[in-house]
Structure formats: C-alpha cells, structure tokens
Amino acid sequence: MATILLADDDAAMRDFVKRALSSEGHTVYAAGDGTEALMLLDTHGAAIGVIVTDLDMPGLDGISLAKEARA
C-alpha cells in the first residue's frame, strides 16, 4: 500500500477521496491547501510515495506544490 499526500481546498472532495483511498488500505495525509501540504511533506516526506493535488487552490496551487515537492 502507498502513503499518499492529498491536497484539495474543497473539504467535501478532500474527505471523499481520503475515505476512498483509506478504505483501500492506503495511508493518507490530507491538506486543505498547498502550504499545508508542504508542511506535511516536510514532516512525512520520506514516507510519502504519491501526491494527489487539486490544480486550482488559493495560495500555493497544485503545479507550484508539485514543483516545490520535487525540489
């Protein structure tokens, strides 16, 4: 199973995706925006194998999050 970082500013969508992935046995760290996702990445980065992100979020968008995660 994978450890997944999920970033989405839509709380309903974030909760739905987290439940779906968790029910398949994945560990999911969920963030409400890109900045929060980066903090989770700093804390759990070594364990995270997959990032699932909304592209359009306030502040740090999904593309910028992906670029920061790769750096």
Protein backbone atom coordinates (compact mmCIF):
# COMPACT_ATOMS: atom_id res chain seq x y z
CA MET A 1 0.00 0.00 0.00
CA ALA A 2 1.06 3.57 -0.61
CA THR A 3 1.42 6.59 1.62
CA ILE A 4 -0.35 9.45 -0.13
CA LEU A 5 -0.32 13.21 0.33
CA LEU A 6 -3.69 14.64 -0.71
CA ALA A 7 -4.14 18.40 -1.21
CA ASP A 8 -7.54 19.88 -2.05
CA ASP A 9 -9.20 23.05 -0.83
CA ASP A 10 -12.68 21.56 -1.29
CA ALA A 11 -13.34 19.89 2.07
CA ALA A 12 -16.08 17.58 0.76
CA MET A 13 -13.91 16.34 -2.11
CA ARG A 14 -10.88 16.00 0.15
CA ASP A 15 -12.84 13.92 2.68
CA PHE A 16 -14.37 11.75 -0.07
CA VAL A 17 -11.01 11.00 -1.71
CA LYS A 18 -9.33 10.39 1.64
CA ARG A 19 -12.04 7.90 2.66
CA ALA A 20 -11.85 6.13 -0.70
CA LEU A 21 -8.07 5.79 -0.60
CA SER A 22 -8.00 4.83 3.07
CA SER A 23 -10.62 2.15 2.50
CA GLU A 24 -8.21 0.55 0.00
CA GLY A 25 -5.57 0.36 2.72
CA HIS A 26 -3.51 3.44 1.83
CA THR A 27 -2.19 5.87 4.43
CA VAL A 28 -3.43 9.36 3.51
CA TYR A 29 -2.23 12.70 4.83
CA ALA A 30 -4.75 15.36 3.81
CA ALA A 31 -4.16 19.09 3.45
CA GLY A 32 -6.57 21.93 2.74
CA ASP A 33 -4.10 23.90 0.62
CA GLY A 34 -0.63 23.76 -0.89
CA THR A 35 1.07 25.43 2.04
CA GLU A 36 -0.34 22.90 4.49
CA ALA A 37 0.66 20.12 2.09
CA LEU A 38 4.26 21.35 2.10
CA MET A 39 4.29 21.25 5.90
CA LEU A 40 3.04 17.64 5.80
CA LEU A 41 5.66 16.85 3.17
CA ASP A 42 8.35 18.26 5.44
CA THR A 43 7.10 16.11 8.31
CA HIS A 44 6.31 12.86 6.46
CA GLY A 45 8.24 13.30 3.20
CA ALA A 46 10.30 10.13 3.46
CA ALA A 47 7.16 8.02 3.72
CA ILE A 48 5.11 9.74 1.01
CA GLY A 49 5.18 7.95 -2.33
CA VAL A 50 2.31 9.69 -4.15
CA ILE A 51 0.95 13.24 -4.22
CA VAL A 52 -2.63 13.84 -5.36
CA THR A 53 -3.45 17.53 -5.68
CA ASP A 54 -6.11 19.88 -6.89
CA LEU A 55 -4.62 22.19 -9.52
CA ASP A 56 -6.58 25.30 -8.55
CA MET A 57 -6.11 26.18 -4.88
CA PRO A 58 -5.68 29.55 -3.20
CA GLY A 59 -2.13 30.49 -2.27
CA LEU A 60 0.09 27.67 -3.46
CA ASP A 61 -1.60 25.90 -6.38
CA GLY A 62 -1.12 22.27 -7.39
CA ILE A 63 1.52 22.97 -10.04
CA SER A 64 3.58 25.05 -7.61
CA LEU A 65 3.16 22.35 -4.95
CA ALA A 66 4.48 19.73 -7.37
CA LYS A 67 7.48 21.92 -8.22
CA GLU A 68 8.24 22.52 -4.54
CA ALA A 69 7.88 18.80 -3.78
CA ARG A 70 10.40 17.92 -6.46
CA ALA A 71 12.93 20.48 -5.19
